[in-house]
Amino acid sequence: MAMNQIPGQNIYIGGIFCLKNKAALDRANITHVVSVLRLAPSENLFSDFKQHRIDIDDVDDENLLEHLPAAVNFIQSGLDAGGSVLVHCAMGKSRSATVCIAYMLHQQRSGLTPQSALEVIRQSRPLCEPNDGFMEQLNLYHEMGCPDEVADHPVYQRWLYRREVEESVACGRAPELKSVRFEDEQPQRPQEPTAQVVEIKCRKCRRGIADSKYIISHDQEKKESNKYRSNQECAHVFLHPMKWMRPSLFPEAGPNDYEGDAPLTGRLACPNTSCGANLGKFAWQGLQCNCGQWVVPAIGLAKARVDIANKAPVRGAGNLPPTALGIRMPPGMRGPESSDGSGRGNL
């Protein structure tokens, strides 16, 4: 199949066979080629071009995200040199489209989404359709702000950690301790100067458990079934792993031990050893919140066993609501402060 030009760009997308059409490549002034496939074509096909190669297959669980910044940079270098760029895979449908979408997102961070960029490409090449895994990675790339490097970004690190967890669960076991990302051991980004945060404490001993940085937001799904009501308050607050959870998540591991079996599911105990209250539960394979949303992996604090309240606002924050400050909290924690003093529903 022929290669097609992306509207408004000196970028072309196609399958591997378009490399044999020298006349078309010359007419398009192709100087740079991005090859997104594991197949090794004849080197003679690329003798007249600068080539950037990404060796991956077109399957959902391939990590194309880690290659996007370098591919975007290579495409830009070709355009800056006054040439045109061909991005190809085997059929010009999934892998090549993903790389082209990433470039478009990088150029128009606020003007495009992965889906809208795909629609632009489909104007000239309707068959383009990145697989579901690649679309998820494009959404993450967009969420990160299309950075020039993704390896150290917290969003990327969490995604890698989740992939490891899913692989372990698929084998019927919990992840290894050494692969778990404890969020409070990671470098923290500077807090917004106007940020207002929620503090979670054990209801029994008042020990601090977590704050907004460690909460996993999840949206309530609207269900037609009576079992899940769209206005039903979530019974749990879901957290990223934190180091105080280690004895609950890995009960057989010693303080300096990173080996040993661990349960797939279990209870979370208060880190205050003189308290030890049951605060909630965890399930590496995921839990379905009573609002209907699945959280995977799931580490949930039962709202009935903790107190949730606003911390004193950071200087300059005034009484701005968290939504105005860019803090997106789970359902059931977005309403006004409750009158019973429990902190439930605060924010």
C-alpha atoms as a PDB file:
ATOM      1  CA  MET A   1       0.000   0.000   0.000  1.00  0.00           C
ATOM      2  CA  ALA A   2       1.165   3.528  -0.752  1.00  0.00           C
ATOM      3  CA  MET A   3       2.379   5.924   1.899  1.00  0.00           C
ATOM      4  CA  ASN A   4       0.134   8.811   2.905  1.00  0.00           C
ATOM      5  CA  GLN A   5       0.987  12.334   4.007  1.00  0.00           C
ATOM      6  CA  ILE A   6      -0.338  13.499   7.360  1.00  0.00           C
ATOM      7  CA  PRO A   7      -2.400  16.669   6.749  1.00  0.00           C
ATOM      8  CA  GLY A   8      -0.388  19.791   7.427  1.00  0.00           C
ATOM      9  CA  GLN A   9       2.879  17.917   8.040  1.00  0.00           C
ATOM     10  CA  ASN A  10       5.868  16.850   5.971  1.00  0.00           C
ATOM     11  CA  ILE A  11       5.431  13.452   7.587  1.00  0.00           C
ATOM     12  CA  TYR A  12       4.340  10.345   5.722  1.00  0.00           C
ATOM     13  CA  ILE A  13       3.002   7.082   7.092  1.00  0.00           C
ATOM     14  CA  GLY A  14       3.016   3.708   5.397  1.00  0.00           C
ATOM     15  CA  GLY A  15       3.924   0.031   5.444  1.00  0.00           C
ATOM     16  CA  ILE A  16       7.262  -1.546   4.744  1.00  0.00           C
ATOM     17  CA  PHE A  17       6.590  -2.086   1.036  1.00  0.00           C
ATOM     18  CA  CYS A  18       6.433   1.641   0.330  1.00  0.00           C
ATOM     19  CA  LEU A  19      10.227   1.689   0.835  1.00  0.00           C
ATOM     20  CA  LYS A  20      10.568  -0.053  -2.527  1.00  0.00           C
ATOM     21  CA  ASN A  21       8.826   2.777  -4.376  1.00  0.00           C
ATOM     22  CA  LYS A  22      11.862   4.978  -4.939  1.00  0.00           C
ATOM     23  CA  ALA A  23      10.026   7.354  -7.243  1.00  0.00           C
ATOM     24  CA  ALA A  24       7.373   8.121  -4.608  1.00  0.00           C
ATOM     25  CA  LEU A  25      10.036   8.583  -1.936  1.00  0.00           C
ATOM     26  CA  ASP A  26      11.898  11.037  -4.150  1.00  0.00           C
ATOM     27  CA  ARG A  27       8.731  12.998  -4.968  1.00  0.00           C
ATOM     28  CA  ALA A  28       7.978  13.306  -1.253  1.00  0.00           C
ATOM     29  CA  ASN A  29      11.581  14.403  -0.510  1.00  0.00           C
ATOM     30  CA  ILE A  30      11.972  11.671   2.117  1.00  0.00           C
ATOM     31  CA  THR A  31      15.284  12.131   3.922  1.00  0.00           C
ATOM     32  CA  HIS A  32      14.573  10.449   7.278  1.00  0.00           C
ATOM     33  CA  VAL A  33      12.869   7.126   8.028  1.00  0.00           C
ATOM     34  CA  VAL A  34      11.496   5.827  11.324  1.00  0.00           C
ATOM     35  CA  SER A  35      11.139   2.027  11.237  1.00  0.00           C
ATOM     36  CA  VAL A  36       8.837   0.684  13.956  1.00  0.00           C
ATOM     37  CA  LEU A  37       9.031  -3.094  13.629  1.00  0.00           C
ATOM     38  CA  ARG A  38      11.200  -6.006  14.670  1.00  0.00           C
ATOM     39  CA  LEU A  39      11.628  -7.332  11.144  1.00  0.00           C
ATOM     40  CA  ALA A  40      15.057  -6.595   9.650  1.00  0.00           C
ATOM     41  CA  PRO A  41      14.604  -5.397   6.050  1.00  0.00           C
ATOM     42  CA  SER A  42      17.518  -5.242   3.663  1.00  0.00           C
ATOM     43  CA  GLU A  43      19.954  -2.491   4.607  1.00  0.00           C
ATOM     44  CA  ASN A  44      19.939  -1.383   0.969  1.00  0.00           C
ATOM     45  CA  LEU A  45      16.427  -0.017   1.461  1.00  0.00           C
ATOM     46  CA  PHE A  46      17.796   2.654   3.807  1.00  0.00           C
ATOM     47  CA  SER A  47      21.069   3.522   2.113  1.00  0.00           C
ATOM     48  CA  ASP A  48      19.735   6.898   0.942  1.00  0.00           C
ATOM     49  CA  PHE A  49      18.141   7.907   4.257  1.00  0.00           C
ATOM     50  CA  LYS A  50      18.874   8.549   7.877  1.00  0.00           C
ATOM     51  CA  GLN A  51      17.082   5.858   9.841  1.00  0.00           C
ATOM     52  CA  HIS A  52      15.778   5.546  13.400  1.00  0.00           C
ATOM     53  CA  ARG A  53      14.696   2.034  14.330  1.00  0.00           C
ATOM     54  CA  ILE A  54      12.391   0.806  17.114  1.00  0.00           C
ATOM     55  CA  ASP A  55      12.368  -2.978  17.459  1.00  0.00           C
ATOM     56  CA  ILE A  56       8.905  -3.896  18.756  1.00  0.00           C
ATOM     57  CA  ASP A  57       5.979  -6.083  17.764  1.00  0.00           C
ATOM     58  CA  ASP A  58       2.387  -4.916  17.326  1.00  0.00           C
ATOM     59  CA  VAL A  59       1.053  -6.357  20.596  1.00  0.00           C
ATOM     60  CA  ASP A  60      -0.677  -4.650  23.512  1.00  0.00           C
ATOM     61  CA  ASP A  61       1.998  -5.330  26.109  1.00  0.00           C
ATOM     62  CA  GLU A  62       4.976  -3.954  24.165  1.00  0.00           C
ATOM     63  CA  ASN A  63       6.556  -0.878  25.733  1.00  0.00           C
ATOM     64  CA  LEU A  64       6.503   1.678  22.937  1.00  0.00           C
ATOM     65  CA  LEU A  65       6.145   4.546  25.418  1.00  0.00           C
ATOM     66  CA  GLU A  66       9.823   4.469  26.371  1.00  0.00           C
ATOM     67  CA  HIS A  67      10.792   5.011  22.714  1.00  0.00           C
ATOM     68  CA  LEU A  68       8.475   7.946  21.946  1.00  0.00           C
ATOM     69  CA  PRO A  69      10.721  10.861  23.038  1.00  0.00           C
ATOM     70  CA  ALA A  70      13.651   9.682  20.903  1.00  0.00           C
ATOM     71  CA  ALA A  71      11.369   9.076  17.913  1.00  0.00           C
ATOM     72  CA  VAL A  72       9.788  12.515  18.264  1.00  0.00           C
ATOM     73  CA  ASN A  73      13.242  14.109  18.462  1.00  0.00           C
ATOM     74  CA  PHE A  74      14.396  12.235  15.343  1.00  0.00           C
ATOM     75  CA  ILE A  75      11.321  13.300  13.369  1.00  0.00           C
ATOM     76  CA  GLN A  76      11.870  16.916  14.377  1.00  0.00           C
ATOM     77  CA  SER A  77      15.528  16.762  13.312  1.00  0.00           C
ATOM     78  CA  GLY A  78      14.477  15.558   9.870  1.00  0.00           C
ATOM     79  CA  LEU A  79      11.946  18.339   9.460  1.00  0.00           C
ATOM     80  CA  ASP A  80      14.402  20.960  10.746  1.00  0.00           C
ATOM     81  CA  ALA A  81      16.894  19.794   8.099  1.00  0.00           C
ATOM     82  CA  GLY A  82      14.370  20.659   5.395  1.00  0.00           C
ATOM     83  CA  GLY A  83      13.407  17.114   4.486  1.00  0.00           C
ATOM     84  CA  SER A  84      10.367  14.923   4.904  1.00  0.00           C
ATOM     85  CA  VAL A  85      10.017  11.962   7.251  1.00  0.00           C
ATOM     86  CA  LEU A  86       8.528   8.541   6.588  1.00  0.00           C
ATOM     87  CA  VAL A  87       7.257   6.600   9.598  1.00  0.00           C
ATOM     88  CA  HIS A  88       6.533   2.977   8.737  1.00  0.00           C
ATOM     89  CA  CYS A  89       5.792  -0.358  10.363  1.00  0.00           C
ATOM     90  CA  ALA A  90       4.657  -3.552   8.622  1.00  0.00           C
ATOM     91  CA  MET A  91       1.253  -2.333   7.413  1.00  0.00           C
ATOM     92  CA  GLY A  92       1.226   1.360   8.336  1.00  0.00           C
ATOM     93  CA  LYS A  93      -1.654   0.811  10.731  1.00  0.00           C
ATOM     94  CA  SER A  94      -0.750   0.586  14.439  1.00  0.00           C
ATOM     95  CA  ARG A  95       2.896   1.107  15.423  1.00  0.00           C
ATOM     96  CA  SER A  96       3.655   3.822  12.873  1.00  0.00           C
ATOM     97  CA  ALA A  97       0.395   5.619  13.668  1.00  0.00           C
ATOM     98  CA  THR A  98       1.316   5.608  17.375  1.00  0.00           C
ATOM     99  CA  VAL A  99       4.644   7.325  16.717  1.00  0.00           C
ATOM    100  CA  CYS A 100       3.025   9.914  14.434  1.00  0.00           C
ATOM    101  CA  ILE A 101       0.361  10.665  17.051  1.00  0.00           C
ATOM    102  CA  ALA A 102       3.089  11.122  19.675  1.00  0.00           C
ATOM    103  CA  TYR A 103       4.828  13.685  17.469  1.00  0.00           C
ATOM    104  CA  MET A 104       1.593  15.584  16.896  1.00  0.00           C
ATOM    105  CA  LEU A 105       0.837  15.600  20.627  1.00  0.00           C
ATOM    106  CA  HIS A 106       4.327  16.880  21.370  1.00  0.00           C
ATOM    107  CA  GLN A 107       3.808  19.749  18.933  1.00  0.00           C
ATOM    108  CA  GLN A 108       0.307  20.625  20.175  1.00  0.00           C
ATOM    109  CA  ARG A 109       0.185  19.587  23.819  1.00  0.00           C
ATOM    110  CA  SER A 110      -2.944  21.569  24.614  1.00  0.00           C
ATOM    111  CA  GLY A 111      -4.590  21.453  21.211  1.00  0.00           C
ATOM    112  CA  LEU A 112      -4.796  17.723  20.572  1.00  0.00           C
ATOM    113  CA  THR A 113      -5.647  14.488  22.350  1.00  0.00           C
ATOM    114  CA  PRO A 114      -4.534  11.025  21.206  1.00  0.00           C
ATOM    115  CA  GLN A 115      -7.981  10.398  19.718  1.00  0.00           C
ATOM    116  CA  SER A 116      -8.222  13.754  17.906  1.00  0.00           C
ATOM    117  CA  ALA A 117      -4.697  13.318  16.510  1.00  0.00           C
ATOM    118  CA  LEU A 118      -5.686   9.869  15.246  1.00  0.00           C
ATOM    119  CA  GLU A 119      -8.686  11.376  13.492  1.00  0.00           C
ATOM    120  CA  VAL A 120      -6.384  13.841  11.705  1.00  0.00           C
ATOM    121  CA  ILE A 121      -4.194  10.974  10.460  1.00  0.00           C
ATOM    122  CA  ARG A 122      -7.260   9.016   9.325  1.00  0.00           C
ATOM    123  CA  GLN A 123      -8.182  11.858   6.972  1.00  0.00           C
ATOM    124  CA  SER A 124      -5.440  10.613   4.652  1.00  0.00           C
ATOM    125  CA  ARG A 125      -5.003   7.031   5.896  1.00  0.00           C
ATOM    126  CA  PRO A 126      -8.334   5.656   7.215  1.00  0.00           C
ATOM    127  CA  LEU A 127      -6.962   2.237   8.159  1.00  0.00           C
ATOM    128  CA  CYS A 128      -4.789   3.621  11.000  1.00  0.00           C
ATOM    129  CA  GLU A 129      -5.702   2.077  14.354  1.00  0.00           C
ATOM    130  CA  PRO A 130      -3.142   1.724  17.171  1.00  0.00           C
ATOM    131  CA  ASN A 131      -3.788  -1.305  19.359  1.00  0.00           C
ATOM    132  CA  ASP A 132      -5.390  -0.759  22.774  1.00  0.00           C
ATOM    133  CA  GLY A 133      -2.084  -0.981  24.625  1.00  0.00           C
ATOM    134  CA  PHE A 134      -0.498   1.693  22.454  1.00  0.00           C
ATOM    135  CA  MET A 135      -3.518   3.993  22.867  1.00  0.00           C
ATOM    136  CA  GLU A 136      -3.173   3.629  26.641  1.00  0.00           C
ATOM    137  CA  GLN A 137       0.498   4.575  26.341  1.00  0.00           C
ATOM    138  CA  LEU A 138      -0.353   7.607  24.217  1.00  0.00           C
ATOM    139  CA  ASN A 139      -2.825   8.715  26.871  1.00  0.00           C
ATOM    140  CA  LEU A 140      -0.072   8.401  29.500  1.00  0.00           C
ATOM    141  CA  TYR A 141       2.366  10.315  27.281  1.00  0.00           C
ATOM    142  CA  HIS A 142      -0.226  13.072  26.910  1.00  0.00           C
ATOM    143  CA  GLU A 143      -0.960  13.037  30.660  1.00  0.00           C
ATOM    144  CA  MET A 144       2.755  13.483  31.361  1.00  0.00           C
ATOM    145  CA  GLY A 145       2.820  16.565  29.132  1.00  0.00           C
ATOM    146  CA  CYS A 146       4.742  14.871  26.291  1.00  0.00           C
ATOM    147  CA  PRO A 147       8.152  15.234  28.015  1.00  0.00           C
ATOM    148  CA  ASP A 148      11.524  14.974  26.292  1.00  0.00           C
ATOM    149  CA  GLU A 149      12.337  12.051  28.622  1.00  0.00           C
ATOM    150  CA  VAL A 150       9.914   9.639  30.276  1.00  0.00           C
ATOM    151  CA  ALA A 151      12.172   7.214  32.170  1.00  0.00           C
ATOM    152  CA  ASP A 152      12.206   9.149  35.456  1.00  0.00           C
ATOM    153  CA  HIS A 153       8.667  10.508  35.308  1.00  0.00           C
ATOM    154  CA  PRO A 154       6.465   9.302  38.222  1.00  0.00           C
ATOM    155  CA  VAL A 155       3.569   8.474  35.882  1.00  0.00           C
ATOM    156  CA  TYR A 156       5.826   6.245  33.781  1.00  0.00           C
ATOM    157  CA  GLN A 157       7.362   4.611  36.848  1.00  0.00           C
ATOM    158  CA  ARG A 158       3.904   3.814  38.247  1.00  0.00           C
ATOM    159  CA  TRP A 159       2.881   2.352  34.885  1.00  0.00           C
ATOM    160  CA  LEU A 160       5.933   0.066  34.839  1.00  0.00           C
ATOM    161  CA  TYR A 161       5.216  -0.998  38.405  1.00  0.00           C
ATOM    162  CA  ARG A 162       1.615  -1.792  37.518  1.00  0.00           C
ATOM    163  CA  ARG A 163       2.732  -3.895  34.543  1.00  0.00           C
ATOM    164  CA  GLU A 164       4.964  -5.951  36.850  1.00  0.00           C
ATOM    165  CA  VAL A 165       2.085  -6.433  39.267  1.00  0.00           C
ATOM    166  CA  GLU A 166      -0.229  -7.570  36.469  1.00  0.00           C
ATOM    167  CA  GLU A 167       2.359 -10.060  35.214  1.00  0.00           C
ATOM    168  CA  SER A 168       2.772 -11.500  38.710  1.00  0.00           C
ATOM    169  CA  VAL A 169      -0.987 -11.734  39.299  1.00  0.00           C
ATOM    170  CA  ALA A 170      -1.417 -13.463  35.922  1.00  0.00           C
ATOM    171  CA  CYS A 171       0.911 -16.163  37.294  1.00  0.00           C
ATOM    172  CA  GLY A 172      -1.195 -16.455  40.460  1.00  0.00           C
ATOM    173  CA  ARG A 173       1.222 -14.770  42.852  1.00  0.00           C
ATOM    174  CA  ALA A 174       1.813 -11.406  44.493  1.00  0.00           C
ATOM    175  CA  PRO A 175       4.595  -9.188  43.103  1.00  0.00           C
ATOM    176  CA  GLU A 176       8.074  -9.437  44.562  1.00  0.00           C
ATOM    177  CA  LEU A 177       8.886  -6.934  47.284  1.00  0.00           C
ATOM    178  CA  LYS A 178      11.807  -5.525  45.322  1.00  0.00           C
ATOM    179  CA  SER A 179       9.503  -4.635  42.418  1.00  0.00           C
ATOM    180  CA  VAL A 180       6.903  -2.743  44.478  1.00  0.00           C
ATOM    181  CA  ARG A 181       7.067   1.033  44.196  1.00  0.00           C
ATOM    182  CA  PHE A 182       6.537   2.570  47.641  1.00  0.00           C
ATOM    183  CA  GLU A 183       5.461   6.115  46.796  1.00  0.00           C
ATOM    184  CA  ASP A 184       6.777   7.781  49.965  1.00  0.00           C
ATOM    185  CA  GLU A 185      10.272   6.474  49.140  1.00  0.00           C
ATOM    186  CA  GLN A 186      10.254   8.202  45.753  1.00  0.00           C
ATOM    187  CA  PRO A 187      11.510  11.748  45.058  1.00  0.00           C
ATOM    188  CA  GLN A 188       8.588  14.100  45.567  1.00  0.00           C
ATOM    189  CA  ARG A 189       7.799  16.900  43.160  1.00  0.00           C
ATOM    190  CA  PRO A 190       7.477  20.397  44.677  1.00  0.00           C
ATOM    191  CA  GLN A 191       4.003  21.040  46.043  1.00  0.00           C
ATOM    192  CA  GLU A 192       1.921  23.725  44.379  1.00  0.00           C
ATOM    193  CA  PRO A 193       2.211  26.936  46.437  1.00  0.00           C
ATOM    194  CA  THR A 194      -1.569  27.143  46.770  1.00  0.00           C
ATOM    195  CA  ALA A 195      -2.149  23.448  47.304  1.00  0.00           C
ATOM    196  CA  GLN A 196      -4.596  22.232  49.905  1.00  0.00           C
ATOM    197  CA  VAL A 197      -4.316  18.620  50.964  1.00  0.00           C
ATOM    198  CA  VAL A 198      -6.326  15.995  52.775  1.00  0.00           C
ATOM    199  CA  GLU A 199      -4.905  14.163  55.785  1.00  0.00           C
ATOM    200  CA  ILE A 200      -5.981  10.629  56.682  1.00  0.00           C
ATOM    201  CA  LYS A 201      -5.602   9.318  60.236  1.00  0.00           C
ATOM    202  CA  CYS A 202      -6.356   6.073  62.018  1.00  0.00           C
ATOM    203  CA  ARG A 203      -9.672   6.626  63.782  1.00  0.00           C
ATOM    204  CA  LYS A 204      -8.600   4.579  66.789  1.00  0.00           C
ATOM    205  CA  CYS A 205      -5.148   6.022  67.646  1.00  0.00           C
ATOM    206  CA  ARG A 206      -5.058   9.175  65.470  1.00  0.00           C
ATOM    207  CA  ARG A 207      -1.824   8.104  63.798  1.00  0.00           C
ATOM    208  CA  GLY A 208      -1.272   9.845  60.434  1.00  0.00           C
ATOM    209  CA  ILE A 209      -1.672   7.381  57.558  1.00  0.00           C
ATOM    210  CA  ALA A 210      -1.518   9.292  54.269  1.00  0.00           C
ATOM    211  CA  ASP A 211      -2.383  12.523  52.491  1.00  0.00           C
ATOM    212  CA  SER A 212      -3.520  13.603  49.021  1.00  0.00           C
ATOM    213  CA  LYS A 213      -0.225  12.719  47.309  1.00  0.00           C
ATOM    214  CA  TYR A 214      -0.833   9.014  47.832  1.00  0.00           C
ATOM    215  CA  ILE A 215      -4.528   8.768  46.956  1.00  0.00           C
ATOM    216  CA  ILE A 216      -5.569   7.034  43.741  1.00  0.00           C
ATOM    217  CA  SER A 217      -8.500   8.812  42.165  1.00  0.00           C
ATOM    218  CA  HIS A 218     -11.207   6.693  40.570  1.00  0.00           C
ATOM    219  CA  ASP A 219     -14.436   7.750  38.905  1.00  0.00           C
ATOM    220  CA  GLN A 220     -17.809   6.378  39.814  1.00  0.00           C
ATOM    221  CA  GLU A 221     -19.331   4.389  36.982  1.00  0.00           C
ATOM    222  CA  LYS A 222     -23.012   4.828  36.293  1.00  0.00           C
ATOM    223  CA  LYS A 223     -24.655   1.428  36.501  1.00  0.00           C
ATOM    224  CA  GLU A 224     -28.166   0.468  35.524  1.00  0.00           C
ATOM    225  CA  SER A 225     -28.055  -2.303  38.099  1.00  0.00           C
ATOM    226  CA  ASN A 226     -29.504  -1.587  41.544  1.00  0.00           C
ATOM    227  CA  LYS A 227     -26.301  -2.976  43.009  1.00  0.00           C
ATOM    228  CA  TYR A 228     -24.285   0.042  41.940  1.00  0.00           C
ATOM    229  CA  ARG A 229     -25.890   3.462  42.213  1.00  0.00           C
ATOM    230  CA  SER A 230     -24.248   6.479  40.604  1.00  0.00           C
ATOM    231  CA  ASN A 231     -24.825   8.542  43.759  1.00  0.00           C
ATOM    232  CA  GLN A 232     -23.516   5.886  46.145  1.00  0.00           C
ATOM    233  CA  GLU A 233     -20.584   7.073  48.246  1.00  0.00           C
ATOM    234  CA  CYS A 234     -17.385   5.054  47.928  1.00  0.00           C
ATOM    235  CA  ALA A 235     -16.681   3.021  51.054  1.00  0.00           C
ATOM    236  CA  HIS A 236     -12.896   3.002  50.550  1.00  0.00           C
ATOM    237  CA  VAL A 237     -10.071   5.407  49.822  1.00  0.00           C
ATOM    238  CA  PHE A 238      -7.522   3.722  47.535  1.00  0.00           C
ATOM    239  CA  LEU A 239      -3.833   4.438  48.028  1.00  0.00           C
ATOM    240  CA  HIS A 240      -0.540   3.868  46.275  1.00  0.00           C
ATOM    241  CA  PRO A 241       1.774   1.533  48.232  1.00  0.00           C
ATOM    242  CA  MET A 242       3.514   3.251  51.170  1.00  0.00           C
ATOM    243  CA  LYS A 243       6.358   1.887  53.272  1.00  0.00           C
ATOM    244  CA  TRP A 244       4.220   1.592  56.443  1.00  0.00           C
ATOM    245  CA  MET A 245       2.161  -1.035  54.578  1.00  0.00           C
ATOM    246  CA  ARG A 246       5.121  -3.354  54.116  1.00  0.00           C
ATOM    247  CA  PRO A 247       4.404  -5.625  57.157  1.00  0.00           C
ATOM    248  CA  SER A 248       0.832  -6.139  55.895  1.00  0.00           C
ATOM    249  CA  LEU A 249       1.725  -6.632  52.234  1.00  0.00           C
ATOM    250  CA  PHE A 250       4.800  -8.796  52.913  1.00  0.00           C
ATOM    251  CA  PRO A 251       4.273 -10.376  56.360  1.00  0.00           C
ATOM    252  CA  GLU A 252       7.062 -12.949  55.955  1.00  0.00           C
ATOM    253  CA  ALA A 253       9.768 -10.489  54.881  1.00  0.00           C
ATOM    254  CA  GLY A 254      12.214  -9.146  57.452  1.00  0.00           C
ATOM    255  CA  PRO A 255      13.310  -5.489  57.648  1.00  0.00           C
ATOM    256  CA  ASN A 256      16.212  -6.063  55.249  1.00  0.00           C
ATOM    257  CA  ASP A 257      14.689  -8.983  53.374  1.00  0.00           C
ATOM    258  CA  TYR A 258      13.445  -8.666  49.796  1.00  0.00           C
ATOM    259  CA  GLU A 259      12.566 -12.292  49.218  1.00  0.00           C
ATOM    260  CA  GLY A 260       9.779 -14.610  50.292  1.00  0.00           C
ATOM    261  CA  ASP A 261       6.215 -15.357  49.368  1.00  0.00           C
ATOM    262  CA  ALA A 262       3.440 -12.838  49.935  1.00  0.00           C
ATOM    263  CA  PRO A 263      -0.360 -13.130  49.932  1.00  0.00           C
ATOM    264  CA  LEU A 264      -2.437 -11.921  47.006  1.00  0.00           C
ATOM    265  CA  THR A 265      -4.996 -10.451  49.400  1.00  0.00           C
ATOM    266  CA  GLY A 266      -5.045  -9.438  53.045  1.00  0.00           C
ATOM    267  CA  ARG A 267      -5.767  -6.811  55.677  1.00  0.00           C
ATOM    268  CA  LEU A 268      -4.023  -3.500  56.309  1.00  0.00           C
ATOM    269  CA  ALA A 269      -3.016  -2.882  59.907  1.00  0.00           C
ATOM    270  CA  CYS A 270      -2.353   0.509  61.489  1.00  0.00           C
ATOM    271  CA  PRO A 271       1.423   1.167  61.516  1.00  0.00           C
ATOM    272  CA  ASN A 272       1.206   2.164  65.191  1.00  0.00           C
ATOM    273  CA  THR A 273       2.354  -1.093  66.821  1.00  0.00           C
ATOM    274  CA  SER A 274       0.472  -0.313  70.013  1.00  0.00           C
ATOM    275  CA  CYS A 275      -2.727   0.078  67.977  1.00  0.00           C
ATOM    276  CA  GLY A 276      -2.639  -2.384  65.082  1.00  0.00           C
ATOM    277  CA  ALA A 277      -6.245  -1.601  64.118  1.00  0.00           C
ATOM    278  CA  ASN A 278      -7.619  -3.078  60.922  1.00  0.00           C
ATOM    279  CA  LEU A 279      -7.722  -0.131  58.499  1.00  0.00           C
ATOM    280  CA  GLY A 280      -8.814  -1.846  55.300  1.00  0.00           C
ATOM    281  CA  LYS A 281      -7.714  -4.453  52.808  1.00  0.00           C
ATOM    282  CA  PHE A 282      -5.541  -5.039  49.768  1.00  0.00           C
ATOM    283  CA  ALA A 283      -5.859  -7.211  46.674  1.00  0.00           C
ATOM    284  CA  TRP A 284      -3.098  -7.224  44.079  1.00  0.00           C
ATOM    285  CA  GLN A 285      -5.550  -8.573  41.497  1.00  0.00           C
ATOM    286  CA  GLY A 286      -7.855  -5.600  42.160  1.00  0.00           C
ATOM    287  CA  LEU A 287     -11.068  -4.764  43.968  1.00  0.00           C
ATOM    288  CA  GLN A 288     -14.367  -3.400  42.757  1.00  0.00           C
ATOM    289  CA  CYS A 289     -15.425  -0.362  44.758  1.00  0.00           C
ATOM    290  CA  ASN A 290     -19.065  -0.218  45.810  1.00  0.00           C
ATOM    291  CA  CYS A 291     -19.446   2.645  43.284  1.00  0.00           C
ATOM    292  CA  GLY A 292     -18.799   0.071  40.541  1.00  0.00           C
ATOM    293  CA  GLN A 293     -15.261   1.054  39.544  1.00  0.00           C
ATOM    294  CA  TRP A 294     -12.457  -1.504  39.488  1.00  0.00           C
ATOM    295  CA  VAL A 295      -9.122  -0.435  40.998  1.00  0.00           C
ATOM    296  CA  VAL A 296      -6.112  -2.595  40.074  1.00  0.00           C
ATOM    297  CA  PRO A 297      -4.028  -3.202  42.107  1.00  0.00           C
ATOM    298  CA  ALA A 298      -6.166  -2.182  45.092  1.00  0.00           C
ATOM    299  CA  ILE A 299      -4.995  -0.973  48.499  1.00  0.00           C
ATOM    300  CA  GLY A 300      -8.081   0.416  50.209  1.00  0.00           C
ATOM    301  CA  LEU A 301      -8.653   2.167  53.522  1.00  0.00           C
ATOM    302  CA  ALA A 302     -12.181   1.692  54.864  1.00  0.00           C
ATOM    303  CA  LYS A 303     -13.679   5.136  55.451  1.00  0.00           C
ATOM    304  CA  ALA A 304     -15.417   3.784  58.543  1.00  0.00           C
ATOM    305  CA  ARG A 305     -12.004   3.091  60.129  1.00  0.00           C
ATOM    306  CA  VAL A 306     -10.177   6.346  59.329  1.00  0.00           C
ATOM    307  CA  ASP A 307     -10.749  10.070  59.708  1.00  0.00           C
ATOM    308  CA  ILE A 308     -10.359  12.259  56.635  1.00  0.00           C
ATOM    309  CA  ALA A 309      -9.905  16.007  57.004  1.00  0.00           C
ATOM    310  CA  ASN A 310      -8.346  19.033  55.336  1.00  0.00           C
ATOM    311  CA  LYS A 311      -4.932  20.056  56.493  1.00  0.00           C
ATOM    312  CA  ALA A 312      -4.365  23.752  57.126  1.00  0.00           C
ATOM    313  CA  PRO A 313      -4.071  25.399  53.687  1.00  0.00           C
ATOM    314  CA  VAL A 314      -0.657  26.330  52.421  1.00  0.00           C
ATOM    315  CA  ARG A 315       0.034  30.066  52.619  1.00  0.00           C
ATOM    316  CA  GLY A 316      -1.699  31.871  49.798  1.00  0.00           C
ATOM    317  CA  ALA A 317      -4.261  29.153  49.257  1.00  0.00           C
ATOM    318  CA  GLY A 318      -7.088  30.963  51.044  1.00  0.00           C
ATOM    319  CA  ASN A 319     -10.299  28.978  50.914  1.00  0.00           C
ATOM    320  CA  LEU A 320     -10.030  27.852  47.312  1.00  0.00           C
ATOM    321  CA  PRO A 321     -11.714  24.497  46.673  1.00  0.00           C
ATOM    322  CA  PRO A 322      -9.385  21.606  45.780  1.00  0.00           C
ATOM    323  CA  THR A 323     -10.877  21.365  42.276  1.00  0.00           C
ATOM    324  CA  ALA A 324      -9.677  24.906  41.615  1.00  0.00           C
ATOM    325  CA  LEU A 325      -6.215  23.853  42.739  1.00  0.00           C
ATOM    326  CA  GLY A 326      -6.031  20.912  40.362  1.00  0.00           C
ATOM    327  CA  ILE A 327      -6.569  18.264  43.070  1.00  0.00           C
ATOM    328  CA  ARG A 328      -8.889  15.558  41.768  1.00  0.00           C
ATOM    329  CA  MET A 329     -10.195  13.468  44.619  1.00  0.00           C
ATOM    330  CA  PRO A 330     -12.125  10.186  44.667  1.00  0.00           C
ATOM    331  CA  PRO A 331     -15.931  10.215  44.725  1.00  0.00           C
ATOM    332  CA  GLY A 332     -17.352  10.654  48.194  1.00  0.00           C
ATOM    333  CA  MET A 333     -14.489  12.951  49.222  1.00  0.00           C
ATOM    334  CA  ARG A 334     -15.562  15.947  47.156  1.00  0.00           C
ATOM    335  CA  GLY A 335     -18.440  17.281  49.206  1.00  0.00           C
ATOM    336  CA  PRO A 336     -18.488  19.846  52.022  1.00  0.00           C
ATOM    337  CA  GLU A 337     -17.122  19.069  55.460  1.00  0.00           C
ATOM    338  CA  SER A 338     -19.375  16.707  57.356  1.00  0.00           C
ATOM    339  CA  SER A 339     -21.071  17.792  60.557  1.00  0.00           C
ATOM    340  CA  ASP A 340     -20.335  14.627  62.537  1.00  0.00           C
ATOM    341  CA  GLY A 341     -16.653  15.480  62.872  1.00  0.00           C
ATOM    342  CA  SER A 342     -15.542  12.236  61.239  1.00  0.00           C
ATOM    343  CA  GLY A 343     -14.005  13.900  58.257  1.00  0.00           C
ATOM    344  CA  ARG A 344     -15.918  11.657  55.864  1.00  0.00           C
ATOM    345  CA  GLY A 345     -16.595  13.447  52.630  1.00  0.00           C
ATOM    346  CA  ASN A 346     -14.217  16.288  53.440  1.00  0.00           C
ATOM    347  CA  LEU A 347     -12.668  18.319  50.641  1.00  0.00           C
END
